[in-house]
Protein backbone atom coordinates (compact mmCIF):
# COMPACT_ATOMS: atom_id res chain seq x y z
CA UNK A 1 105.17 143.91 -39.13
CA UNK A 2 106.37 147.20 -39.81
CA UNK A 3 104.35 150.73 -39.20
CA UNK A 4 104.18 153.01 -41.96
CA UNK A 5 103.23 156.82 -40.80
CA UNK A 6 99.93 157.98 -42.52
CA UNK A 7 101.26 160.32 -44.76
CA UNK A 8 103.69 157.22 -46.37
CA UNK A 9 100.26 155.51 -46.57
CA UNK A 10 98.16 158.10 -48.48
CA UNK A 11 100.98 158.11 -50.42
CA UNK A 12 101.42 154.92 -51.70
CA UNK A 13 96.94 154.74 -52.28
CA UNK A 14 97.48 157.56 -55.03
CA UNK A 15 100.21 156.13 -56.59
CA UNK A 16 98.48 153.15 -57.04
CA UNK A 17 94.99 154.31 -57.93
CA UNK A 18 96.89 156.56 -60.44
CA UNK A 19 98.10 153.66 -62.49
CA UNK A 20 95.32 151.98 -63.94
CA UNK A 21 96.23 147.86 -64.18
CA UNK A 22 99.33 148.64 -61.96
CA UNK A 23 99.96 145.99 -60.14
CA UNK A 24 100.97 145.97 -56.11
CA UNK A 25 104.47 144.24 -56.81
CA UNK A 26 105.38 147.62 -59.14
CA UNK A 27 104.04 150.31 -56.24
CA UNK A 28 106.40 148.90 -53.74
CA UNK A 29 109.31 148.41 -55.80
CA UNK A 30 108.62 151.94 -56.56
CA UNK A 31 108.30 152.91 -53.21
CA UNK A 32 111.23 150.82 -51.67
CA UNK A 33 108.81 148.82 -49.88
CA UNK A 34 108.26 144.35 -49.93
CA UNK A 35 105.57 143.98 -52.14
CA UNK A 36 104.34 142.02 -48.83
CA UNK A 37 104.58 145.22 -47.07
CA UNK A 38 102.51 146.80 -50.25
CA UNK A 39 99.61 145.11 -49.42
CA UNK A 40 99.01 146.03 -45.84
CA UNK A 41 99.65 149.68 -46.94
CA UNK A 42 96.43 149.71 -49.68
CA UNK A 43 94.39 146.64 -48.47
CA UNK A 44 94.48 147.99 -44.63
């Protein structure tokens, strides 16, 4: 599993929370990571 810096994780969470109705897939695309990678960022 790829490890992302805490700053990147914080950015991902902030982006997801700032968009009501956003999907993990859409946030992943904006961040340039896979949906699986974004799930790890947002759930962990």
